Amino acid sequence: MRQENRFVKIYSKGIGNVSEIWVDRETGVNYFFHAAGYSGGLCVLMDKDGNPVVTDSYTLEHGGY
């Protein structure tokens, strides 16, 4: 049985300094990841009201992001 990855990368930019957006397939919550050299960080992507950005399952599965 093929196992789906829990997280899917929906955005990526850069080579040495990388910025990416990852989405949790189970919750729809978006995460921002940034790496520069040997260091990096990950945090929840927030909207203007301070709530987590959530991608609905239909948009996530059909690539409408």
N, C-alpha and C. Protein backbone atom coordinates (compact mmCIF):
# COMPACT_ATOMS: atom_id res chain seq x y z
N MET A 1 0.84 -1.19 0.00
CA MET A 1 0.00 0.00 0.00
C MET A 1 0.88 1.25 0.00
N ARG A 2 0.61 2.16 -0.90
CA ARG A 2 1.39 3.39 -1.01
C ARG A 2 0.96 4.37 0.08
N GLN A 3 1.93 4.91 0.77
CA GLN A 3 1.63 5.87 1.83
C GLN A 3 1.87 7.28 1.31
N GLU A 4 0.87 8.13 1.45
CA GLU A 4 0.99 9.54 1.06
C GLU A 4 1.87 10.26 2.08
N ASN A 5 2.66 11.22 1.60
CA ASN A 5 3.41 12.07 2.53
C ASN A 5 2.44 12.99 3.24
N ARG A 6 2.67 13.20 4.52
CA ARG A 6 1.77 14.06 5.28
C ARG A 6 1.89 15.51 4.84
N PHE A 7 3.09 15.94 4.48
CA PHE A 7 3.32 17.33 4.08
C PHE A 7 3.60 17.41 2.58
N VAL A 8 3.10 18.49 1.97
CA VAL A 8 3.34 18.72 0.55
C VAL A 8 3.89 20.14 0.39
N LYS A 9 4.93 20.27 -0.43
CA LYS A 9 5.53 21.59 -0.69
C LYS A 9 4.75 22.25 -1.82
N ILE A 10 4.22 23.46 -1.56
CA ILE A 10 3.43 24.15 -2.58
C ILE A 10 4.15 25.37 -3.15
N TYR A 11 5.28 25.76 -2.54
CA TYR A 11 6.03 26.92 -3.03
C TYR A 11 7.48 26.75 -2.66
N SER A 12 8.37 27.13 -3.56
CA SER A 12 9.79 27.09 -3.28
C SER A 12 10.49 28.16 -4.12
N LYS A 13 11.42 28.88 -3.49
CA LYS A 13 12.19 29.90 -4.20
C LYS A 13 13.59 29.94 -3.60
N GLY A 14 14.58 30.02 -4.48
CA GLY A 14 15.95 30.19 -4.04
C GLY A 14 16.76 28.91 -4.06
N ILE A 15 18.08 29.09 -3.97
CA ILE A 15 19.01 27.96 -3.94
C ILE A 15 19.84 28.02 -2.65
N GLY A 16 20.62 29.08 -2.47
CA GLY A 16 21.41 29.23 -1.24
C GLY A 16 20.56 29.68 -0.08
N ASN A 17 19.69 30.64 -0.34
CA ASN A 17 18.69 31.09 0.63
C ASN A 17 17.34 30.58 0.13
N VAL A 18 16.81 29.58 0.80
CA VAL A 18 15.60 28.92 0.33
C VAL A 18 14.39 29.34 1.17
N SER A 19 13.32 29.68 0.50
CA SER A 19 12.04 29.96 1.16
C SER A 19 11.01 29.00 0.58
N GLU A 20 10.28 28.31 1.46
CA GLU A 20 9.30 27.33 1.03
C GLU A 20 8.04 27.44 1.85
N ILE A 21 6.92 27.01 1.27
CA ILE A 21 5.67 26.88 2.00
C ILE A 21 5.26 25.42 1.90
N TRP A 22 4.99 24.82 3.06
CA TRP A 22 4.58 23.43 3.18
C TRP A 22 3.18 23.39 3.77
N VAL A 23 2.36 22.43 3.34
CA VAL A 23 1.00 22.28 3.85
C VAL A 23 0.85 20.89 4.45
N ASP A 24 0.28 20.83 5.64
CA ASP A 24 -0.04 19.57 6.31
C ASP A 24 -1.32 19.03 5.68
N ARG A 25 -1.25 17.87 5.05
CA ARG A 25 -2.42 17.30 4.37
C ARG A 25 -3.56 16.96 5.34
N GLU A 26 -3.25 16.67 6.59
CA GLU A 26 -4.29 16.29 7.55
C GLU A 26 -5.04 17.49 8.09
N THR A 27 -4.33 18.58 8.36
CA THR A 27 -4.98 19.75 8.98
C THR A 27 -5.18 20.91 8.01
N GLY A 28 -4.42 20.95 6.92
CA GLY A 28 -4.48 22.05 5.97
C GLY A 28 -3.66 23.26 6.39
N VAL A 29 -3.01 23.21 7.55
CA VAL A 29 -2.23 24.33 8.06
C VAL A 29 -0.98 24.53 7.20
N ASN A 30 -0.69 25.80 6.87
CA ASN A 30 0.47 26.18 6.05
C ASN A 30 1.64 26.57 6.96
N TYR A 31 2.83 26.13 6.57
CA TYR A 31 4.05 26.44 7.31
C TYR A 31 5.05 27.11 6.38
N PHE A 32 5.77 28.10 6.90
CA PHE A 32 6.82 28.78 6.16
C PHE A 32 8.16 28.27 6.64
N PHE A 33 9.01 27.84 5.70
CA PHE A 33 10.35 27.36 6.02
C PHE A 33 11.36 28.22 5.29
N HIS A 34 12.40 28.64 6.00
CA HIS A 34 13.48 29.42 5.38
C HIS A 34 14.81 28.84 5.84
N ALA A 35 15.71 28.65 4.89
CA ALA A 35 17.04 28.15 5.20
C ALA A 35 18.08 29.01 4.50
N ALA A 36 19.16 29.28 5.22
CA ALA A 36 20.28 30.03 4.68
C ALA A 36 21.56 29.35 5.16
N GLY A 37 22.29 28.76 4.24
CA GLY A 37 23.51 28.04 4.63
C GLY A 37 23.16 26.83 5.47
N TYR A 38 23.74 26.74 6.66
CA TYR A 38 23.51 25.59 7.54
C TYR A 38 22.43 25.84 8.58
N SER A 39 21.73 26.95 8.50
CA SER A 39 20.68 27.23 9.48
C SER A 39 19.33 27.35 8.78
N GLY A 40 18.27 27.17 9.55
CA GLY A 40 16.93 27.28 8.98
C GLY A 40 15.89 27.38 10.07
N GLY A 41 14.68 27.69 9.67
CA GLY A 41 13.61 27.81 10.64
C GLY A 41 12.27 27.50 10.00
N LEU A 42 11.33 27.09 10.83
CA LEU A 42 9.99 26.73 10.39
C LEU A 42 8.99 27.38 11.32
N CYS A 43 7.92 27.97 10.76
CA CYS A 43 6.88 28.55 11.60
C CYS A 43 5.54 28.46 10.88
N VAL A 44 4.48 28.56 11.65
CA VAL A 44 3.14 28.55 11.09
C VAL A 44 2.93 29.84 10.32
N LEU A 45 2.36 29.76 9.14
CA LEU A 45 2.06 30.94 8.33
C LEU A 45 0.75 31.53 8.85
N MET A 46 0.76 32.81 9.21
CA MET A 46 -0.40 33.46 9.83
C MET A 46 -1.03 34.47 8.88
N ASP A 47 -2.36 34.66 9.01
CA ASP A 47 -3.03 35.69 8.23
C ASP A 47 -2.98 37.02 8.98
N LYS A 48 -3.60 38.04 8.43
CA LYS A 48 -3.51 39.39 9.03
C LYS A 48 -4.16 39.48 10.40
N ASP A 49 -5.05 38.53 10.74
CA ASP A 49 -5.72 38.53 12.04
C ASP A 49 -5.02 37.66 13.06
N GLY A 50 -3.90 37.04 12.68
CA GLY A 50 -3.15 36.20 13.60
C GLY A 50 -3.62 34.75 13.64
N ASN A 51 -4.45 34.35 12.68
CA ASN A 51 -4.92 32.97 12.61
C ASN A 51 -4.05 32.19 11.62
N PRO A 52 -3.88 30.89 11.84
CA PRO A 52 -3.11 30.09 10.89
C PRO A 52 -3.77 30.08 9.51
N VAL A 53 -2.95 30.15 8.46
CA VAL A 53 -3.47 30.02 7.10
C VAL A 53 -3.76 28.54 6.88
N VAL A 54 -5.00 28.24 6.46
CA VAL A 54 -5.43 26.86 6.25
C VAL A 54 -5.89 26.70 4.80
N THR A 55 -5.34 25.70 4.12
CA THR A 55 -5.74 25.37 2.75
C THR A 55 -6.76 24.25 2.83
N ASP A 56 -7.93 24.44 2.19
CA ASP A 56 -8.95 23.40 2.24
C ASP A 56 -8.49 22.19 1.43
N SER A 57 -9.03 21.02 1.75
CA SER A 57 -8.58 19.77 1.14
C SER A 57 -8.82 19.72 -0.36
N TYR A 58 -9.91 20.31 -0.85
CA TYR A 58 -10.19 20.30 -2.28
C TYR A 58 -9.11 21.07 -3.04
N THR A 59 -8.78 22.26 -2.57
CA THR A 59 -7.73 23.07 -3.20
C THR A 59 -6.39 22.36 -3.15
N LEU A 60 -6.08 21.74 -2.03
CA LEU A 60 -4.82 21.04 -1.88
C LEU A 60 -4.71 19.87 -2.84
N GLU A 61 -5.74 19.07 -2.97
CA GLU A 61 -5.69 17.89 -3.83
C GLU A 61 -5.80 18.20 -5.31
N HIS A 62 -6.40 19.35 -5.66
CA HIS A 62 -6.57 19.69 -7.08
C HIS A 62 -5.62 20.77 -7.56
N GLY A 63 -4.66 21.16 -6.73
CA GLY A 63 -3.61 22.08 -7.15
C GLY A 63 -4.04 23.51 -7.42
N GLY A 64 -5.08 23.99 -6.77
CA GLY A 64 -5.56 25.34 -7.01
C GLY A 64 -4.99 26.38 -6.07
N TYR A 65 -3.78 26.19 -5.58
CA TYR A 65 -3.19 27.13 -4.64
C TYR A 65 -2.41 28.19 -5.35
